Every structure is written in C-alpha cells, then in structure tokens.
C-alpha cells in the first residue's frame, strides 16, 4: 500500500511466512480430535440415571462438531494453499506483462517511428 509519498514498492506475499502459518493451522487442525474418537457408551447402571442420557447426547454432538471442525480446517488450509498458488500465478503473469511492456518500450517497438 502506498505510504503517501508515492512509494512504488511492489506488493509481494512472503511465501515462507504464509506457508509456515498454513502448515501450523493444518497441524493444529489434525490434533482437534482423534479420528477414531467416538462418544462414550455408558454402562447399563449409569445409563439408568436420569441425566446420563442427556450427557450422552451432548457427547455425541460434541464429537460430531469436533470432527466437522477438523474437516473444515482441512478444507480451509487447502483453500489457503490454492489462494497462494493463484496469487503467485497472477503475480508471475503481471511480472511477465510488465517485462514485455518494458522491453517493447526500450526496444522502440511502441514508438511511432
């Protein structure tokens, strides 16, 4: 972003930092819940308690939410990686266009002579 003084610094993505952050999110997402986790089944004695079935229902919901969250985080990191690749591709194309335009100007191809 220009600093008000006419800065022409290019906007660039710090790929290493971006990849480190995305990798950290991905690693953390994999640790949300063990993929083999399931809600606990109470034994018959505990299940006869009036409140245990309610807790069991909540346990089932929490496990499902955590598994969904893990899936969402995986999708997010895939999207973030795709965005980075798209950004780099657009940046590369812009650099190529700029170089081509610069070469045309300096070779006189754009002049009226």
Protein backbone atom coordinates (compact mmCIF):
# COMPACT_ATOMS: atom_id res chain seq x y z
CA UNK A 1 0.00 0.00 0.00
CA UNK A 2 1.45 3.41 -0.87
CA UNK A 3 2.81 5.35 2.07
CA UNK A 4 1.53 8.67 0.77
CA UNK A 5 4.92 9.68 -0.59
CA UNK A 6 4.43 7.94 -3.92
CA UNK A 7 6.01 4.66 -2.89
CA UNK A 8 6.20 2.17 -5.72
CA UNK A 9 7.21 -0.82 -3.60
CA UNK A 10 5.70 -3.97 -5.09
CA UNK A 11 3.14 -5.85 -3.08
CA UNK A 12 4.55 -9.32 -2.53
CA UNK A 13 3.46 -12.28 -0.50
CA UNK A 14 6.02 -13.63 1.98
CA UNK A 15 5.66 -17.22 0.81
CA UNK A 16 7.73 -18.73 3.61
CA UNK A 17 5.72 -16.99 6.34
CA UNK A 18 2.42 -17.80 4.62
CA UNK A 19 3.33 -21.47 4.23
CA UNK A 20 4.50 -21.64 7.87
CA UNK A 21 1.19 -20.21 9.06
CA UNK A 22 -0.89 -22.51 6.84
CA UNK A 23 1.18 -25.52 7.92
CA UNK A 24 0.66 -24.58 11.58
CA UNK A 25 -3.10 -24.33 11.05
CA UNK A 26 -3.08 -27.66 9.24
CA UNK A 27 -1.09 -29.38 12.00
CA UNK A 28 -3.32 -27.94 14.72
CA UNK A 29 -6.42 -29.00 12.77
CA UNK A 30 -5.20 -32.58 12.71
CA UNK A 31 -4.95 -32.52 16.51
CA UNK A 32 -8.52 -31.35 17.16
CA UNK A 33 -9.83 -34.86 17.73
CA UNK A 34 -8.55 -38.38 17.26
CA UNK A 35 -10.07 -39.67 14.03
CA UNK A 36 -11.07 -42.89 15.82
CA UNK A 37 -12.84 -40.99 18.63
CA UNK A 38 -16.41 -41.92 19.36
CA UNK A 39 -18.87 -40.89 22.01
CA UNK A 40 -18.70 -42.98 25.16
CA UNK A 41 -21.42 -45.51 25.83
CA UNK A 42 -22.39 -45.55 29.50
CA UNK A 43 -22.70 -48.87 31.22
CA UNK A 44 -26.23 -50.07 31.98
CA UNK A 45 -26.10 -48.94 35.60
CA UNK A 46 -25.05 -45.37 34.68
CA UNK A 47 -27.48 -45.25 31.77
CA UNK A 48 -30.37 -45.78 34.17
CA UNK A 49 -29.55 -42.44 35.82
CA UNK A 50 -31.94 -39.75 34.54
CA UNK A 51 -29.23 -37.26 33.49
CA UNK A 52 -26.74 -39.66 31.89
CA UNK A 53 -28.65 -40.00 28.60
CA UNK A 54 -28.62 -36.19 28.27
CA UNK A 55 -24.85 -36.14 28.78
CA UNK A 56 -24.51 -38.97 26.29
CA UNK A 57 -26.47 -36.96 23.69
CA UNK A 58 -24.20 -33.96 24.26
CA UNK A 59 -21.13 -36.17 24.00
CA UNK A 60 -22.33 -37.47 20.63
CA UNK A 61 -22.92 -33.89 19.43
CA UNK A 62 -19.55 -32.63 20.67
CA UNK A 63 -17.68 -35.47 18.94
CA UNK A 64 -19.57 -34.72 15.72
CA UNK A 65 -18.84 -30.98 15.97
CA UNK A 66 -15.14 -31.59 16.58
CA UNK A 67 -14.91 -33.98 13.62
CA UNK A 68 -16.72 -31.41 11.45
CA UNK A 69 -14.33 -28.70 12.67
CA UNK A 70 -11.36 -30.88 11.76
CA UNK A 71 -12.81 -31.34 8.26
CA UNK A 72 -13.44 -27.59 7.92
CA UNK A 73 -9.88 -26.75 8.97
CA UNK A 74 -8.53 -29.21 6.38
CA UNK A 75 -10.69 -27.56 3.71
CA UNK A 76 -9.53 -24.12 4.88
CA UNK A 77 -5.85 -25.00 4.56
CA UNK A 78 -6.48 -26.46 1.10
CA UNK A 79 -8.22 -23.21 0.12
CA UNK A 80 -5.40 -21.13 1.60
CA UNK A 81 -2.85 -23.13 -0.41
CA UNK A 82 -4.93 -22.66 -3.57
CA UNK A 83 -5.15 -18.91 -2.91
CA UNK A 84 -1.36 -18.71 -2.52
CA UNK A 85 -0.82 -20.59 -5.78
CA UNK A 86 -3.33 -18.35 -7.58
CA UNK A 87 -1.68 -15.24 -6.15
CA UNK A 88 1.77 -16.41 -7.26
CA UNK A 89 0.46 -17.24 -10.74
CA UNK A 90 -1.18 -13.82 -11.12
CA UNK A 91 1.95 -12.12 -9.78
CA UNK A 92 4.12 -14.05 -12.23
CA UNK A 93 1.84 -13.16 -15.16
CA UNK A 94 1.91 -9.49 -14.12
CA UNK A 95 5.72 -9.57 -13.94
CA UNK A 96 5.86 -11.13 -17.41
CA UNK A 97 3.49 -8.49 -18.82
CA UNK A 98 5.48 -5.71 -17.18
CA UNK A 99 8.77 -7.09 -18.52
CA UNK A 100 7.30 -7.46 -22.01
CA UNK A 101 5.95 -3.89 -21.93
CA UNK A 102 9.28 -2.59 -20.64
CA UNK A 103 11.17 -4.49 -23.37
CA UNK A 104 8.84 -3.10 -26.05
CA UNK A 105 9.36 0.45 -24.80
CA UNK A 106 13.11 0.15 -24.59
CA UNK A 107 13.40 -1.52 -27.99
CA UNK A 108 11.32 1.16 -29.65
CA UNK A 109 8.56 -1.26 -30.70
CA UNK A 110 5.95 1.05 -29.25
CA UNK A 111 7.23 4.19 -30.94
CA UNK A 112 5.61 5.83 -33.94
CA UNK A 113 8.90 5.91 -35.93
